[in-house]
Full PDB file with SEQRES, HELIX, SHEET, SSBOND, CRYST1, ORIGX, SCALE, CONECT and MASTER records, all heavy atoms in Angstrom:
SEQRES   1 A   31  ARG ILE THR ALA LEU MET ARG LEU SER PRO GLU ASP ARG          
SEQRES   2 A   31  GLN ARG LEU ALA VAL ARG TYR TYR ASP GLY GLY HIS MET          
SEQRES   3 A   31  PHE TYR SER TRP LYS                                          
HELIX    1 AA1 ILE A    2  LEU A    5  1                                   4    
HELIX    2 AA2 PRO A   10  ARG A   13  1                                   4    
HELIX    3 AA3 PHE A   27  SER A   29  5                                   3    
CRYST1    1.000    1.000    1.000  90.00  90.00  90.00 P 1           1          
ORIGX1      1.000000  0.000000  0.000000        0.00000                         
ORIGX2      0.000000  1.000000  0.000000        0.00000                         
ORIGX3      0.000000  0.000000  1.000000        0.00000                         
SCALE1      1.000000  0.000000  0.000000        0.00000                         
SCALE2      0.000000  1.000000  0.000000        0.00000                         
SCALE3      0.000000  0.000000  1.000000        0.00000                         
ATOM      1  N   ARG A   1      98.932 108.261  88.267  1.00  0.00           N  
ATOM      2  CA  ARG A   1      99.152 109.711  88.250  1.00  0.00           C  
ATOM      3  C   ARG A   1      98.262 110.423  89.259  1.00  0.00           C  
ATOM      4  O   ARG A   1      98.722 111.249  90.045  1.00  0.00           O  
ATOM      5  CB  ARG A   1      98.888 110.249  86.839  1.00  0.00           C  
ATOM      6  CG  ARG A   1      99.059 111.728  86.712  1.00  0.00           C  
ATOM      7  CD  ARG A   1      98.727 112.192  85.282  1.00  0.00           C  
ATOM      8  NE  ARG A   1      98.640 113.607  85.220  1.00  0.00           N  
ATOM      9  CZ  ARG A   1      97.560 114.318  85.527  1.00  0.00           C  
ATOM     10  NH1 ARG A   1      96.453 113.725  85.904  1.00  0.00           N  
ATOM     11  NH2 ARG A   1      97.567 115.629  85.444  1.00  0.00           N  
ATOM     12  N   ILE A   2      96.984 110.091  89.246  1.00  0.00           N  
ATOM     13  CA  ILE A   2      96.023 110.773  90.119  1.00  0.00           C  
ATOM     14  C   ILE A   2      96.295 110.494  91.590  1.00  0.00           C  
ATOM     15  O   ILE A   2      96.266 111.399  92.418  1.00  0.00           O  
ATOM     16  CB  ILE A   2      94.583 110.391  89.722  1.00  0.00           C  
ATOM     17  CG1 ILE A   2      94.238 111.038  88.377  1.00  0.00           C  
ATOM     18  CG2 ILE A   2      93.584 110.785  90.792  1.00  0.00           C  
ATOM     19  CD1 ILE A   2      92.967 110.527  87.754  1.00  0.00           C  
ATOM     20  N   THR A   3      96.562 109.233  91.927  1.00  0.00           N  
ATOM     21  CA  THR A   3      96.822 108.927  93.345  1.00  0.00           C  
ATOM     22  C   THR A   3      98.119 109.580  93.812  1.00  0.00           C  
ATOM     23  O   THR A   3      98.228 109.973  94.979  1.00  0.00           O  
ATOM     24  CB  THR A   3      96.833 107.408  93.619  1.00  0.00           C  
ATOM     25  OG1 THR A   3      97.777 106.775  92.755  1.00  0.00           O  
ATOM     26  CG2 THR A   3      95.459 106.807  93.410  1.00  0.00           C  
ATOM     27  N   ALA A   4      99.083 109.737  92.935  1.00  0.00           N  
ATOM     28  CA  ALA A   4     100.320 110.438  93.309  1.00  0.00           C  
ATOM     29  C   ALA A   4     100.033 111.921  93.558  1.00  0.00           C  
ATOM     30  O   ALA A   4     100.588 112.524  94.480  1.00  0.00           O  
ATOM     31  CB  ALA A   4     101.372 110.271  92.229  1.00  0.00           C  
ATOM     32  N   LEU A   5      99.158 112.509  92.740  1.00  0.00           N  
ATOM     33  CA  LEU A   5      98.824 113.926  92.900  1.00  0.00           C  
ATOM     34  C   LEU A   5      97.972 114.199  94.138  1.00  0.00           C  
ATOM     35  O   LEU A   5      97.880 115.345  94.579  1.00  0.00           O  
ATOM     36  CB  LEU A   5      98.083 114.430  91.658  1.00  0.00           C  
ATOM     37  CG  LEU A   5      98.920 114.523  90.381  1.00  0.00           C  
ATOM     38  CD1 LEU A   5      98.023 114.864  89.193  1.00  0.00           C  
ATOM     39  CD2 LEU A   5     100.024 115.559  90.542  1.00  0.00           C  
ATOM     40  N   MET A   6      97.358 113.166  94.704  1.00  0.00           N  
ATOM     41  CA  MET A   6      96.504 113.353  95.877  1.00  0.00           C  
ATOM     42  C   MET A   6      97.311 113.741  97.111  1.00  0.00           C  
ATOM     43  O   MET A   6      96.768 114.302  98.046  1.00  0.00           O  
ATOM     44  CB  MET A   6      95.689 112.087  96.155  1.00  0.00           C  
ATOM     45  CG  MET A   6      94.600 111.863  95.136  1.00  0.00           C  
ATOM     46  SD  MET A   6      93.768 110.282  95.324  1.00  0.00           S  
ATOM     47  CE  MET A   6      92.896 110.508  96.844  1.00  0.00           C  
ATOM     48  N   ARG A   7      98.598 113.441  97.113  1.00  0.00           N  
ATOM     49  CA  ARG A   7      99.491 113.788  98.225  1.00  0.00           C  
ATOM     50  C   ARG A   7      98.934 113.330  99.561  1.00  0.00           C  
ATOM     51  O   ARG A   7      98.816 114.107 100.509  1.00  0.00           O  
ATOM     52  CB  ARG A   7      99.784 115.279  98.242  1.00  0.00           C  
ATOM     53  CG  ARG A   7     100.508 115.738  97.004  1.00  0.00           C  
ATOM     54  CD  ARG A   7     100.890 117.171  97.078  1.00  0.00           C  
ATOM     55  NE  ARG A   7     101.565 117.544  95.842  1.00  0.00           N  
ATOM     56  CZ  ARG A   7     101.851 118.765  95.508  1.00  0.00           C  
ATOM     57  NH1 ARG A   7     101.535 119.748  96.299  1.00  0.00           N  
ATOM     58  NH2 ARG A   7     102.464 119.019  94.379  1.00  0.00           N  
ATOM     59  N   LEU A   8      98.587 112.065  99.626  1.00  0.00           N  
ATOM     60  CA  LEU A   8      98.061 111.483 100.859  1.00  0.00           C  
ATOM     61  C   LEU A   8      99.184 111.287 101.869  1.00  0.00           C  
ATOM     62  O   LEU A   8     100.324 111.020 101.493  1.00  0.00           O  
ATOM     63  CB  LEU A   8      97.401 110.133 100.564  1.00  0.00           C  
ATOM     64  CG  LEU A   8      96.201 110.147  99.627  1.00  0.00           C  
ATOM     65  CD1 LEU A   8      95.791 108.714  99.284  1.00  0.00           C  
ATOM     66  CD2 LEU A   8      95.047 110.903 100.252  1.00  0.00           C  
ATOM     67  N   SER A   9      98.844 111.381 103.127  1.00  0.00           N  
ATOM     68  CA  SER A   9      99.819 111.063 104.169  1.00  0.00           C  
ATOM     69  C   SER A   9     100.129 109.572 104.082  1.00  0.00           C  
ATOM     70  O   SER A   9      99.326 108.795 103.534  1.00  0.00           O  
ATOM     71  CB  SER A   9      99.247 111.401 105.548  1.00  0.00           C  
ATOM     72  OG  SER A   9      98.210 110.489 105.872  1.00  0.00           O  
ATOM     73  N   PRO A  10     101.264 109.133 104.611  1.00  0.00           N  
ATOM     74  CA  PRO A  10     101.583 107.694 104.578  1.00  0.00           C  
ATOM     75  C   PRO A  10     100.481 106.835 105.230  1.00  0.00           C  
ATOM     76  O   PRO A  10     100.176 105.755 104.744  1.00  0.00           O  
ATOM     77  CB  PRO A  10     102.896 107.596 105.355  1.00  0.00           C  
ATOM     78  CG  PRO A  10     103.520 108.942 105.189  1.00  0.00           C  
ATOM     79  CD  PRO A  10     102.372 109.911 105.158  1.00  0.00           C  
ATOM     80  N   GLU A  11      99.883 107.337 106.291  1.00  0.00           N  
ATOM     81  CA  GLU A  11      98.806 106.590 106.958  1.00  0.00           C  
ATOM     82  C   GLU A  11      97.577 106.465 106.061  1.00  0.00           C  
ATOM     83  O   GLU A  11      96.967 105.410 105.971  1.00  0.00           O  
ATOM     84  CB  GLU A  11      98.411 107.264 108.284  1.00  0.00           C  
ATOM     85  CG  GLU A  11      99.520 107.324 109.303  1.00  0.00           C  
ATOM     86  CD  GLU A  11     100.489 108.495 109.069  1.00  0.00           C  
ATOM     87  OE1 GLU A  11     100.122 109.481 108.375  1.00  0.00           O  
ATOM     88  OE2 GLU A  11     101.633 108.399 109.555  1.00  0.00           O  
ATOM     89  N   ASP A  12      97.214 107.565 105.419  1.00  0.00           N  
ATOM     90  CA  ASP A  12      96.053 107.530 104.521  1.00  0.00           C  
ATOM     91  C   ASP A  12      96.341 106.677 103.293  1.00  0.00           C  
ATOM     92  O   ASP A  12      95.471 105.955 102.805  1.00  0.00           O  
ATOM     93  CB  ASP A  12      95.656 108.941 104.091  1.00  0.00           C  
ATOM     94  CG  ASP A  12      95.004 109.732 105.209  1.00  0.00           C  
ATOM     95  OD1 ASP A  12      94.571 109.124 106.216  1.00  0.00           O  
ATOM     96  OD2 ASP A  12      94.937 110.967 105.085  1.00  0.00           O  
ATOM     97  N   ARG A  13      97.563 106.732 102.773  1.00  0.00           N  
ATOM     98  CA  ARG A  13      97.928 105.945 101.577  1.00  0.00           C  
ATOM     99  C   ARG A  13      97.809 104.447 101.844  1.00  0.00           C  
ATOM    100  O   ARG A  13      97.485 103.675 100.946  1.00  0.00           O  
ATOM    101  CB  ARG A  13      99.355 106.320 101.132  1.00  0.00           C  
ATOM    102  CG  ARG A  13      99.789 105.639  99.841  1.00  0.00           C  
ATOM    103  CD  ARG A  13      98.889 106.032  98.673  1.00  0.00           C  
ATOM    104  NE  ARG A  13      99.277 105.410  97.443  1.00  0.00           N  
ATOM    105  CZ  ARG A  13      98.752 104.270  96.978  1.00  0.00           C  
ATOM    106  NH1 ARG A  13      97.838 103.629  97.659  1.00  0.00           N  
ATOM    107  NH2 ARG A  13      99.144 103.773  95.831  1.00  0.00           N  
ATOM    108  N   GLN A  14      98.050 104.021 103.084  1.00  0.00           N  
ATOM    109  CA  GLN A  14      97.942 102.600 103.433  1.00  0.00           C  
ATOM    110  C   GLN A  14      96.506 102.099 103.332  1.00  0.00           C  
ATOM    111  O   GLN A  14      96.276 100.904 103.184  1.00  0.00           O  
ATOM    112  CB  GLN A  14      98.471 102.346 104.842  1.00  0.00           C  
ATOM    113  CG  GLN A  14      99.972 102.433 104.930  1.00  0.00           C  
ATOM    114  CD  GLN A  14     100.469 102.158 106.330  1.00  0.00           C  
ATOM    115  OE1 GLN A  14      99.720 102.226 107.308  1.00  0.00           O  
ATOM    116  NE2 GLN A  14     101.744 101.833 106.440  1.00  0.00           N  
ATOM    117  N   ARG A  15      95.544 103.001 103.379  1.00  0.00           N  
ATOM    118  CA  ARG A  15      94.135 102.599 103.289  1.00  0.00           C  
ATOM    119  C   ARG A  15      93.618 102.601 101.857  1.00  0.00           C  
ATOM    120  O   ARG A  15      92.459 102.309 101.606  1.00  0.00           O  
ATOM    121  CB  ARG A  15      93.270 103.520 104.160  1.00  0.00           C  
ATOM    122  CG  ARG A  15      93.593 103.372 105.630  1.00  0.00           C  
ATOM    123  CD  ARG A  15      92.692 104.177 106.550  1.00  0.00           C  
ATOM    124  NE  ARG A  15      92.866 105.613 106.377  1.00  0.00           N  
ATOM    125  CZ  ARG A  15      91.918 106.428 105.905  1.00  0.00           C  
ATOM    126  NH1 ARG A  15      90.752 105.985 105.557  1.00  0.00           N  
ATOM    127  NH2 ARG A  15      92.147 107.720 105.782  1.00  0.00           N  
ATOM    128  N   LEU A  16      94.481 102.920 100.910  1.00  0.00           N  
ATOM    129  CA  LEU A  16      94.108 102.942  99.495  1.00  0.00           C  
ATOM    130  C   LEU A  16      94.882 101.859  98.755  1.00  0.00           C  
ATOM    131  O   LEU A  16      96.086 101.960  98.567  1.00  0.00           O  
ATOM    132  CB  LEU A  16      94.422 104.318  98.888  1.00  0.00           C  
ATOM    133  CG  LEU A  16      94.195 104.484  97.389  1.00  0.00           C  
ATOM    134  CD1 LEU A  16      92.723 104.280  97.036  1.00  0.00           C  
ATOM    135  CD2 LEU A  16      94.667 105.856  96.937  1.00  0.00           C  
ATOM    136  N   ALA A  17      94.181 100.803  98.381  1.00  0.00           N  
ATOM    137  CA  ALA A  17      94.799  99.704  97.632  1.00  0.00           C  
ATOM    138  C   ALA A  17      94.558  99.921  96.143  1.00  0.00           C  
ATOM    139  O   ALA A  17      93.449 100.260  95.729  1.00  0.00           O  
ATOM    140  CB  ALA A  17      94.205  98.373  98.071  1.00  0.00           C  
ATOM    141  N   VAL A  18      95.599  99.739  95.348  1.00  0.00           N  
ATOM    142  CA  VAL A  18      95.491  99.847  93.897  1.00  0.00           C  
ATOM    143  C   VAL A  18      96.080  98.567  93.313  1.00  0.00           C  
ATOM    144  O   VAL A  18      97.209  98.201  93.618  1.00  0.00           O  
ATOM    145  CB  VAL A  18      96.241 101.085  93.355  1.00  0.00           C  
ATOM    146  CG1 VAL A  18      96.114 101.166  91.847  1.00  0.00           C  
ATOM    147  CG2 VAL A  18      95.731 102.361  94.010  1.00  0.00           C  
ATOM    148  N   ARG A  19      95.288  97.875  92.502  1.00  0.00           N  
ATOM    149  CA  ARG A  19      95.727  96.604  91.912  1.00  0.00           C  
ATOM    150  C   ARG A  19      95.441  96.599  90.415  1.00  0.00           C  
ATOM    151  O   ARG A  19      94.487  97.216  89.945  1.00  0.00           O  
ATOM    152  CB  ARG A  19      94.989  95.423  92.543  1.00  0.00           C  
ATOM    153  CG  ARG A  19      95.146  95.293  94.027  1.00  0.00           C  
ATOM    154  CD  ARG A  19      96.526  94.777  94.420  1.00  0.00           C  
ATOM    155  NE  ARG A  19      96.611  94.571  95.845  1.00  0.00           N  
ATOM    156  CZ  ARG A  19      96.991  95.491  96.723  1.00  0.00           C  
ATOM    157  NH1 ARG A  19      97.312  96.689  96.325  1.00  0.00           N  
ATOM    158  NH2 ARG A  19      97.038  95.222  98.014  1.00  0.00           N  
ATOM    159  N   TYR A  20      96.286  95.871  89.687  1.00  0.00           N  
ATOM    160  CA  TYR A  20      96.145  95.743  88.240  1.00  0.00           C  
ATOM    161  C   TYR A  20      96.097  94.271  87.881  1.00  0.00           C  
ATOM    162  O   TYR A  20      96.781  93.452  88.488  1.00  0.00           O  
ATOM    163  CB  TYR A  20      97.322  96.414  87.532  1.00  0.00           C  
ATOM    164  CG  TYR A  20      97.504  97.836  87.991  1.00  0.00           C  
ATOM    165  CD1 TYR A  20      98.568  98.183  88.800  1.00  0.00           C  
ATOM    166  CD2 TYR A  20      96.584  98.815  87.640  1.00  0.00           C  
ATOM    167  CE1 TYR A  20      98.723  99.483  89.247  1.00  0.00           C  
ATOM    168  CE2 TYR A  20      96.740 100.111  88.083  1.00  0.00           C  
ATOM    169  CZ  TYR A  20      97.807 100.438  88.887  1.00  0.00           C  
ATOM    170  OH  TYR A  20      97.951 101.721  89.327  1.00  0.00           O  
ATOM    171  N   TYR A  21      95.300  93.954  86.870  1.00  0.00           N  
ATOM    172  CA  TYR A  21      95.116  92.566  86.445  1.00  0.00           C  
ATOM    173  C   TYR A  21      95.287  92.474  84.932  1.00  0.00           C  
ATOM    174  O   TYR A  21      95.023  93.434  84.206  1.00  0.00           O  
ATOM    175  CB  TYR A  21      93.720  92.079  86.838  1.00  0.00           C  
ATOM    176  CG  TYR A  21      93.452  92.222  88.309  1.00  0.00           C  
ATOM    177  CD1 TYR A  21      92.752  93.320  88.800  1.00  0.00           C  
ATOM    178  CD2 TYR A  21      93.907  91.269  89.215  1.00  0.00           C  
ATOM    179  CE1 TYR A  21      92.516  93.465  90.157  1.00  0.00           C  
ATOM    180  CE2 TYR A  21      93.675  91.409  90.570  1.00  0.00           C  
ATOM    181  CZ  TYR A  21      92.981  92.513  91.036  1.00  0.00           C  
ATOM    182  OH  TYR A  21      92.761  92.654  92.382  1.00  0.00           O  
ATOM    183  N   ASP A  22      95.709  91.304  84.466  1.00  0.00           N  
ATOM    184  CA  ASP A  22      95.747  91.069  83.030  1.00  0.00           C  
ATOM    185  C   ASP A  22      94.325  91.180  82.488  1.00  0.00           C  
ATOM    186  O   ASP A  22      93.375  90.726  83.123  1.00  0.00           O  
ATOM    187  CB  ASP A  22      96.291  89.667  82.726  1.00  0.00           C  
ATOM    188  CG  ASP A  22      97.794  89.578  82.905  1.00  0.00           C  
ATOM    189  OD1 ASP A  22      98.472  90.625  82.810  1.00  0.00           O  
ATOM    190  OD2 ASP A  22      98.291  88.471  83.121  1.00  0.00           O  
ATOM    191  N   GLY A  23      94.197  91.795  81.337  1.00  0.00           N  
ATOM    192  CA  GLY A  23      92.889  91.925  80.712  1.00  0.00           C  
ATOM    193  C   GLY A  23      92.589  93.372  80.380  1.00  0.00           C  
ATOM    194  O   GLY A  23      93.384  94.276  80.650  1.00  0.00           O  
ATOM    195  N   GLY A  24      91.432  93.568  79.807  1.00  0.00           N  
ATOM    196  CA  GLY A  24      90.992  94.899  79.417  1.00  0.00           C  
ATOM    197  C   GLY A  24      90.028  95.475  80.432  1.00  0.00           C  
ATOM    198  O   GLY A  24      90.160  95.270  81.630  1.00  0.00           O  
ATOM    199  N   HIS A  25      89.031  96.197  79.927  1.00  0.00           N  
ATOM    200  CA  HIS A  25      88.063  96.862  80.806  1.00  0.00           C  
ATOM    201  C   HIS A  25      87.327  95.850  81.688  1.00  0.00           C  
ATOM    202  O   HIS A  25      87.047  96.130  82.839  1.00  0.00           O  
ATOM    203  CB  HIS A  25      87.077  97.659  79.951  1.00  0.00           C  
ATOM    204  CG  HIS A  25      86.232  98.599  80.735  1.00  0.00           C  
ATOM    205  ND1 HIS A  25      86.753  99.730  81.326  1.00  0.00           N  
ATOM    206  CD2 HIS A  25      84.919  98.580  81.037  1.00  0.00           C  
ATOM    207  CE1 HIS A  25      85.779 100.368  81.958  1.00  0.00           C  
ATOM    208  NE2 HIS A  25      84.658  99.692  81.795  1.00  0.00           N  
ATOM    209  N   MET A  26      87.036  94.686  81.140  1.00  0.00           N  
ATOM    210  CA  MET A  26      86.390  93.619  81.911  1.00  0.00           C  
ATOM    211  C   MET A  26      87.423  92.521  82.189  1.00  0.00           C  
ATOM    212  O   MET A  26      87.278  91.379  81.786  1.00  0.00           O  
ATOM    213  CB  MET A  26      85.173  93.079  81.161  1.00  0.00           C  
ATOM    214  CG  MET A  26      84.118  94.145  80.949  1.00  0.00           C  
ATOM    215  SD  MET A  26      82.531  93.579  80.297  1.00  0.00           S  
ATOM    216  CE  MET A  26      82.968  92.492  78.991  1.00  0.00           C  
ATOM    217  N   PHE A  27      88.460  92.901  82.924  1.00  0.00           N  
ATOM    218  CA  PHE A  27      89.576  91.994  83.209  1.00  0.00           C  
ATOM    219  C   PHE A  27      89.120  90.703  83.867  1.00  0.00           C  
ATOM    220  O   PHE A  27      89.743  89.661  83.719  1.00  0.00           O  
ATOM    221  CB  PHE A  27      90.617  92.682  84.101  1.00  0.00           C  
ATOM    222  CG  PHE A  27      90.088  93.076  85.448  1.00  0.00           C  
ATOM    223  CD1 PHE A  27      90.073  92.171  86.493  1.00  0.00           C  
ATOM    224  CD2 PHE A  27      89.585  94.344  85.661  1.00  0.00           C  
ATOM    225  CE1 PHE A  27      89.567  92.518  87.729  1.00  0.00           C  
ATOM    226  CE2 PHE A  27      89.077  94.705  86.896  1.00  0.00           C  
ATOM    227  CZ  PHE A  27      89.068  93.792  87.934  1.00  0.00           C  
ATOM    228  N   TYR A  28      88.009  90.761  84.591  1.00  0.00           N  
ATOM    229  CA  TYR A  28      87.499  89.593  85.317  1.00  0.00           C  
ATOM    230  C   TYR A  28      86.966  88.515  84.377  1.00  0.00           C  
ATOM    231  O   TYR A  28      86.644  87.418  84.802  1.00  0.00           O  
ATOM    232  CB  TYR A  28      86.411  90.011  86.312  1.00  0.00           C  
ATOM    233  CG  TYR A  28      85.452  91.022  85.737  1.00  0.00           C  
ATOM    234  CD1 TYR A  28      84.403  90.636  84.909  1.00  0.00           C  
ATOM    235  CD2 TYR A  28      85.632  92.375  85.998  1.00  0.00           C  
ATOM    236  CE1 TYR A  28      83.552  91.559  84.359  1.00  0.00           C  
ATOM    237  CE2 TYR A  28      84.772  93.316  85.447  1.00  0.00           C  
ATOM    238  CZ  TYR A  28      83.738  92.902  84.639  1.00  0.00           C  
ATOM    239  OH  TYR A  28      82.899  93.824  84.087  1.00  0.00           O  
ATOM    240  N   SER A  29      86.897  88.815  83.082  1.00  0.00           N  
ATOM    241  CA  SER A  29      86.495  87.775  82.132  1.00  0.00           C  
ATOM    242  C   SER A  29      87.668  86.832  81.821  1.00  0.00           C  
ATOM    243  O   SER A  29      87.478  85.791  81.218  1.00  0.00           O  
ATOM    244  CB  SER A  29      85.931  88.387  80.850  1.00  0.00           C  
ATOM    245  OG  SER A  29      86.915  89.129  80.183  1.00  0.00           O  
ATOM    246  N   TRP A  30      88.857  87.201  82.231  1.00  0.00           N  
ATOM    247  CA  TRP A  30      90.033  86.336  82.115  1.00  0.00           C  
ATOM    248  C   TRP A  30      90.099  85.482  83.378  1.00  0.00           C  
ATOM    249  O   TRP A  30      90.083  86.017  84.499  1.00  0.00           O  
ATOM    250  CB  TRP A  30      91.302  87.146  81.987  1.00  0.00           C  
ATOM    251  CG  TRP A  30      91.442  87.953  80.732  1.00  0.00           C  
ATOM    252  CD1 TRP A  30      90.450  88.535  79.986  1.00  0.00           C  
ATOM    253  CD2 TRP A  30      92.662  88.286  80.090  1.00  0.00           C  
ATOM    254  NE1 TRP A  30      90.984  89.207  78.932  1.00  0.00           N  
ATOM    255  CE2 TRP A  30      92.343  89.073  78.964  1.00  0.00           C  
ATOM    256  CE3 TRP A  30      93.989  88.012  80.350  1.00  0.00           C  
ATOM    257  CZ2 TRP A  30      93.292  89.582  78.101  1.00  0.00           C  
ATOM    258  CZ3 TRP A  30      94.945  88.515  79.495  1.00  0.00           C  
ATOM    259  CH2 TRP A  30      94.604  89.286  78.378  1.00  0.00           C  
ATOM    260  N   LYS A  31      90.170  84.183  83.235  1.00  0.00           N  
ATOM    261  CA  LYS A  31      90.113  83.276  84.378  1.00  0.00           C  
ATOM    262  C   LYS A  31      91.159  83.603  85.447  1.00  0.00           C  
ATOM    263  O   LYS A  31      90.831  83.695  86.637  1.00  0.00           O  
ATOM    264  CB  LYS A  31      90.270  81.826  83.911  1.00  0.00           C  
ATOM    265  CG  LYS A  31      90.104  80.828  85.022  1.00  0.00           C  
ATOM    266  CD  LYS A  31      90.196  79.407  84.513  1.00  0.00           C  
ATOM    267  CE  LYS A  31      90.025  78.437  85.676  1.00  0.00           C  
ATOM    268  NZ  LYS A  31      90.107  77.063  85.250  1.00  0.00           N  
TER     269      LYS A  31                                                      
MASTER        0    0    0    3    0    0    0    6  268    1    0    3          
END                                                                             
């Protein structure tokens, strides 16, 4: 929601990576 509201230009949006992983707040505890 927030990144959509930022209204970044296509060039600026390419410099913002957003990734999701299985797990909770400490997702990195999942192998």
